[in-house]
Amino acid sequence: MITKRQLGLICMTLGILGILGLLAIDLVRAGNYGGIGPMQRLGLIIAGLITLLGLTLLPGGNRPA
């Protein structure tokens, strides 16, 4: 069974990878829009919220999720 701490780590990892992936899009200049576009901003906000959700689950310890 998955614990709250494990679920928190999974959410944090996915959120951070999402943020890094969205920022990497600018490095390879994918798309025609120069800079961070509106959909990227939305994605960054969602990935940040997922990361924060993971942080709130970490203190839950070994209780089942």
N, C-alpha and C. Protein backbone atom coordinates (compact mmCIF):
# COMPACT_ATOMS: atom_id res chain seq x y z
N MET A 1 0.84 -1.17 0.00
CA MET A 1 0.00 0.00 0.00
C MET A 1 0.89 1.24 0.00
N ILE A 2 0.48 2.26 -0.70
CA ILE A 2 1.26 3.48 -0.80
C ILE A 2 0.96 4.40 0.39
N THR A 3 2.02 5.01 0.92
CA THR A 3 1.85 5.89 2.07
C THR A 3 1.75 7.34 1.61
N LYS A 4 1.37 8.20 2.55
CA LYS A 4 1.25 9.62 2.21
C LYS A 4 2.61 10.21 1.85
N ARG A 5 3.65 9.76 2.53
CA ARG A 5 4.99 10.26 2.23
C ARG A 5 5.41 9.87 0.81
N GLN A 6 5.14 8.61 0.44
CA GLN A 6 5.48 8.17 -0.92
C GLN A 6 4.69 8.94 -1.96
N LEU A 7 3.41 9.14 -1.71
CA LEU A 7 2.58 9.90 -2.64
C LEU A 7 3.07 11.34 -2.75
N GLY A 8 3.49 11.91 -1.63
CA GLY A 8 4.04 13.26 -1.65
C GLY A 8 5.31 13.34 -2.47
N LEU A 9 6.18 12.35 -2.32
CA LEU A 9 7.42 12.34 -3.11
C LEU A 9 7.14 12.18 -4.60
N ILE A 10 6.15 11.36 -4.93
CA ILE A 10 5.78 11.17 -6.34
C ILE A 10 5.25 12.48 -6.91
N CYS A 11 4.36 13.15 -6.17
CA CYS A 11 3.79 14.42 -6.65
C CYS A 11 4.88 15.48 -6.80
N MET A 12 5.79 15.56 -5.82
CA MET A 12 6.87 16.54 -5.91
C MET A 12 7.77 16.26 -7.11
N THR A 13 8.10 15.01 -7.33
CA THR A 13 8.96 14.66 -8.45
C THR A 13 8.30 15.01 -9.78
N LEU A 14 7.03 14.66 -9.92
CA LEU A 14 6.32 14.98 -11.17
C LEU A 14 6.19 16.48 -11.38
N GLY A 15 5.92 17.21 -10.30
CA GLY A 15 5.81 18.65 -10.41
C GLY A 15 7.11 19.31 -10.82
N ILE A 16 8.20 18.89 -10.19
CA ILE A 16 9.51 19.47 -10.51
C ILE A 16 9.93 19.10 -11.93
N LEU A 17 9.70 17.86 -12.32
CA LEU A 17 10.01 17.46 -13.70
C LEU A 17 9.17 18.25 -14.71
N GLY A 18 7.91 18.51 -14.36
CA GLY A 18 7.05 19.31 -15.23
C GLY A 18 7.57 20.73 -15.38
N ILE A 19 7.99 21.32 -14.28
CA ILE A 19 8.54 22.68 -14.33
C ILE A 19 9.81 22.71 -15.17
N LEU A 20 10.71 21.76 -14.93
CA LEU A 20 11.95 21.72 -15.71
C LEU A 20 11.68 21.48 -17.19
N GLY A 21 10.72 20.62 -17.49
CA GLY A 21 10.38 20.35 -18.89
C GLY A 21 9.81 21.58 -19.58
N LEU A 22 8.95 22.30 -18.88
CA LEU A 22 8.36 23.50 -19.48
C LEU A 22 9.40 24.59 -19.68
N LEU A 23 10.34 24.70 -18.77
CA LEU A 23 11.40 25.69 -18.95
C LEU A 23 12.38 25.26 -20.04
N ALA A 24 12.55 23.95 -20.21
CA ALA A 24 13.45 23.45 -21.25
C ALA A 24 12.90 23.72 -22.65
N ILE A 25 11.59 23.87 -22.75
CA ILE A 25 10.99 24.17 -24.05
C ILE A 25 11.54 25.49 -24.59
N ASP A 26 11.75 26.46 -23.70
CA ASP A 26 12.31 27.74 -24.14
C ASP A 26 13.75 27.60 -24.59
N LEU A 27 14.49 26.69 -23.95
CA LEU A 27 15.90 26.53 -24.32
C LEU A 27 16.06 25.98 -25.73
N VAL A 28 15.14 25.11 -26.15
CA VAL A 28 15.25 24.54 -27.50
C VAL A 28 14.42 25.34 -28.50
N ARG A 29 13.79 26.42 -28.03
CA ARG A 29 13.02 27.34 -28.88
C ARG A 29 11.89 26.64 -29.63
N ALA A 30 11.19 25.75 -28.95
CA ALA A 30 10.05 25.08 -29.58
C ALA A 30 8.90 26.08 -29.70
N GLY A 31 8.28 26.13 -30.83
CA GLY A 31 7.16 27.04 -31.04
C GLY A 31 7.62 28.37 -31.61
N ASN A 32 6.65 29.16 -32.01
CA ASN A 32 6.95 30.45 -32.63
C ASN A 32 6.95 31.60 -31.64
N TYR A 33 6.42 31.38 -30.46
CA TYR A 33 6.28 32.44 -29.48
C TYR A 33 7.62 32.65 -28.78
N GLY A 34 8.10 33.87 -28.72
CA GLY A 34 9.35 34.18 -28.02
C GLY A 34 9.09 34.39 -26.54
N GLY A 35 9.74 33.64 -25.71
CA GLY A 35 9.53 33.76 -24.27
C GLY A 35 8.53 32.73 -23.78
N ILE A 36 8.13 32.90 -22.53
CA ILE A 36 7.17 31.97 -21.94
C ILE A 36 5.78 32.38 -22.36
N GLY A 37 5.09 31.49 -23.04
CA GLY A 37 3.76 31.77 -23.55
C GLY A 37 2.68 31.54 -22.50
N PRO A 38 1.45 31.87 -22.85
CA PRO A 38 0.36 31.74 -21.89
C PRO A 38 0.09 30.29 -21.47
N MET A 39 0.22 29.35 -22.38
CA MET A 39 0.00 27.94 -22.02
C MET A 39 1.13 27.42 -21.14
N GLN A 40 2.35 27.91 -21.38
CA GLN A 40 3.46 27.52 -20.53
C GLN A 40 3.26 28.07 -19.12
N ARG A 41 2.78 29.29 -19.01
CA ARG A 41 2.50 29.87 -17.69
C ARG A 41 1.47 29.02 -16.94
N LEU A 42 0.43 28.63 -17.64
CA LEU A 42 -0.60 27.79 -17.04
C LEU A 42 0.01 26.45 -16.59
N GLY A 43 0.84 25.87 -17.44
CA GLY A 43 1.50 24.62 -17.09
C GLY A 43 2.43 24.78 -15.89
N LEU A 44 3.14 25.90 -15.82
CA LEU A 44 4.02 26.15 -14.69
C LEU A 44 3.23 26.30 -13.39
N ILE A 45 2.09 26.97 -13.47
CA ILE A 45 1.25 27.13 -12.29
C ILE A 45 0.73 25.78 -11.82
N ILE A 46 0.26 24.96 -12.75
CA ILE A 46 -0.27 23.64 -12.39
C ILE A 46 0.83 22.75 -11.82
N ALA A 47 2.01 22.77 -12.45
CA ALA A 47 3.12 21.97 -11.94
C ALA A 47 3.56 22.46 -10.56
N GLY A 48 3.52 23.76 -10.34
CA GLY A 48 3.85 24.31 -9.03
C GLY A 48 2.85 23.88 -7.97
N LEU A 49 1.57 23.85 -8.34
CA LEU A 49 0.55 23.40 -7.39
C LEU A 49 0.69 21.92 -7.05
N ILE A 50 1.06 21.13 -8.05
CA ILE A 50 1.29 19.69 -7.79
C ILE A 50 2.48 19.52 -6.85
N THR A 51 3.52 20.33 -7.03
CA THR A 51 4.68 20.27 -6.15
C THR A 51 4.28 20.66 -4.73
N LEU A 52 3.48 21.72 -4.58
CA LEU A 52 3.02 22.12 -3.26
C LEU A 52 2.14 21.06 -2.61
N LEU A 53 1.32 20.39 -3.40
CA LEU A 53 0.51 19.30 -2.88
C LEU A 53 1.40 18.20 -2.32
N GLY A 54 2.47 17.89 -3.06
CA GLY A 54 3.41 16.88 -2.59
C GLY A 54 4.07 17.29 -1.28
N LEU A 55 4.39 18.57 -1.14
CA LEU A 55 5.00 19.06 0.10
C LEU A 55 4.06 18.91 1.29
N THR A 56 2.77 19.12 1.06
CA THR A 56 1.82 19.01 2.16
C THR A 56 1.59 17.55 2.57
N LEU A 57 1.86 16.62 1.66
CA LEU A 57 1.67 15.20 1.98
C LEU A 57 2.86 14.59 2.72
N LEU A 58 4.02 15.20 2.61
CA LEU A 58 5.22 14.63 3.24
C LEU A 58 5.10 14.44 4.75
N PRO A 59 4.55 15.40 5.49
CA PRO A 59 4.46 15.18 6.95
C PRO A 59 3.47 14.09 7.35
N GLY A 60 2.70 13.56 6.41
CA GLY A 60 1.73 12.52 6.70
C GLY A 60 2.32 11.23 7.20
N GLY A 61 3.61 11.05 6.94
CA GLY A 61 4.30 9.87 7.45
C GLY A 61 3.92 8.58 6.75
N ASN A 62 3.84 7.52 7.52
CA ASN A 62 3.62 6.19 6.96
C ASN A 62 2.16 5.77 6.98
N ARG A 63 1.27 6.72 7.16
CA ARG A 63 -0.16 6.39 7.12
C ARG A 63 -0.58 6.14 5.66
N PRO A 64 -1.52 5.22 5.44
CA PRO A 64 -1.97 4.95 4.08
C PRO A 64 -2.60 6.18 3.43
N ALA A 65 -2.40 6.31 2.15
CA ALA A 65 -2.93 7.46 1.43
C ALA A 65 -4.39 7.26 1.11
